[in-house]
Amino acid sequence: MAASLICLTGVLAGRVFPVGTGLVIGTDPTVCQLTLPMGYRGISRNHCKLTYDRTSRMFVLHDMGSTNGTYLENGTRVPQGMPCALHPGSRFYLVDKHICFEVRA
């Protein structure tokens, strides 16, 4: 199975997105590969980026300076500009749990 991101809740629930060399999530279709509707639940234009390292088999999540935050499943906010390693099966959400994702490899 290729590295992928599954949207569990929200407007894109049930959709699967390949991570490839990187996946930017936000509301700006000119820079994001996974685009949410403009103004959707406080998601920033360039909210976060997810990459996958094939060598370590880990995902790396970066908050791109979002206003309302990117959070791990346990509620911990991902620090802006700091990489956050995720194991396959990990979940994270944007702003609140109404837009939740799971990483799979």
Protein backbone atom coordinates (compact mmCIF):
# COMPACT_ATOMS: atom_id res chain seq x y z
CA MET A 1 0.00 0.00 0.00
CA ALA A 2 1.26 3.47 -0.87
CA ALA A 3 1.48 6.16 1.81
CA SER A 4 -1.91 7.82 2.04
CA LEU A 5 -4.06 10.18 4.07
CA ILE A 6 -7.65 9.26 4.85
CA CYS A 7 -10.17 11.93 5.80
CA LEU A 8 -12.29 10.52 8.64
CA THR A 9 -14.63 13.45 9.32
CA GLY A 10 -15.76 16.65 7.68
CA VAL A 11 -16.60 17.68 4.14
CA LEU A 12 -14.08 15.18 2.67
CA ALA A 13 -14.94 12.20 4.92
CA GLY A 14 -14.16 8.89 3.26
CA ARG A 15 -11.77 10.33 0.68
CA VAL A 16 -8.24 8.94 0.37
CA PHE A 17 -5.31 11.09 -0.79
CA PRO A 18 -1.85 9.81 -1.82
CA VAL A 19 0.93 11.51 0.12
CA GLY A 20 3.60 11.04 -2.57
CA THR A 21 6.45 13.51 -2.10
CA GLY A 22 4.29 15.76 0.06
CA LEU A 23 0.74 16.87 0.55
CA VAL A 24 -0.14 20.46 1.47
CA ILE A 25 -3.55 20.89 3.10
CA GLY A 26 -5.46 24.16 3.15
CA THR A 27 -7.97 26.32 1.31
CA ASP A 28 -5.72 27.79 -1.41
CA PRO A 29 -5.97 25.66 -4.56
CA THR A 30 -2.87 27.31 -6.04
CA VAL A 31 -0.55 25.74 -3.41
CA CYS A 32 -2.53 22.90 -1.82
CA GLN A 33 -2.93 19.37 -3.11
CA LEU A 34 -5.77 18.71 -0.64
CA THR A 35 -8.09 21.69 -0.81
CA LEU A 36 -10.93 22.45 1.58
CA PRO A 37 -13.59 25.09 0.86
CA MET A 38 -12.47 28.68 1.55
CA GLY A 39 -13.41 29.67 5.10
CA TYR A 40 -14.15 26.05 6.10
CA ARG A 41 -14.06 25.81 9.91
CA GLY A 42 -11.09 28.17 10.30
CA ILE A 43 -8.70 26.23 8.05
CA SER A 44 -5.85 28.43 6.81
CA ARG A 45 -4.98 28.93 3.15
CA ASN A 46 -1.74 26.96 3.60
CA HIS A 47 -2.54 25.09 6.83
CA CYS A 48 -0.15 22.13 7.07
CA LYS A 49 2.06 19.77 5.11
CA LEU A 50 2.40 16.00 5.37
CA THR A 51 5.35 14.03 3.98
CA TYR A 52 6.34 10.37 4.14
CA ASP A 53 9.85 9.01 4.69
CA ARG A 54 10.09 5.58 3.04
CA THR A 55 13.33 4.75 4.87
CA SER A 56 11.93 5.20 8.39
CA ARG A 57 8.33 4.38 7.34
CA MET A 58 7.21 7.46 9.26
CA PHE A 59 5.09 10.43 8.30
CA VAL A 60 6.17 13.98 9.13
CA LEU A 61 3.55 16.65 9.82
CA HIS A 62 4.36 20.38 9.69
CA ASP A 63 2.00 23.17 10.73
CA MET A 64 2.65 25.90 8.15
CA GLY A 65 1.83 28.82 10.46
CA SER A 66 -1.91 28.20 10.61
CA THR A 67 -4.01 30.57 12.69
CA ASN A 68 -6.14 27.93 14.44
CA GLY A 69 -3.67 25.07 14.70
CA THR A 70 -2.98 21.48 13.73
CA TYR A 71 -3.46 18.94 16.52
CA LEU A 72 -2.51 15.37 17.28
CA GLU A 73 -5.31 12.98 18.19
CA ASN A 74 -4.56 13.47 21.92
CA GLY A 75 -5.15 17.24 21.64
CA THR A 76 -1.48 18.32 21.57
CA ARG A 77 -0.96 21.25 19.23
CA VAL A 78 1.75 20.75 16.58
CA PRO A 79 4.25 23.61 17.06
CA GLN A 80 4.45 25.89 14.04
CA GLY A 81 7.55 25.22 11.96
CA MET A 82 8.53 22.10 13.95
CA PRO A 83 8.31 18.65 12.33
CA CYS A 84 6.12 16.12 14.12
CA ALA A 85 6.72 12.41 13.40
CA LEU A 86 3.67 10.18 12.99
CA HIS A 87 3.50 6.39 12.84
CA PRO A 88 1.16 4.78 10.31
CA GLY A 89 -2.30 4.66 11.89
CA SER A 90 -1.81 7.99 13.70
CA ARG A 91 -4.53 10.59 13.54
CA PHE A 92 -4.47 14.38 13.51
CA TYR A 93 -7.00 17.15 13.06
CA LEU A 94 -7.20 20.73 11.87
CA VAL A 95 -8.68 23.36 14.21
CA ASP A 96 -11.12 20.93 15.88
CA LYS A 97 -12.12 17.28 15.56
CA HIS A 98 -14.63 18.09 12.82
CA ILE A 99 -11.85 17.61 10.24
CA CYS A 100 -9.83 14.55 11.28
CA PHE A 101 -7.33 12.52 9.24
CA GLU A 102 -5.48 9.21 9.57
CA VAL A 103 -2.14 8.34 7.97
CA ARG A 104 -1.62 4.88 6.45
CA ALA A 105 1.31 3.16 4.77
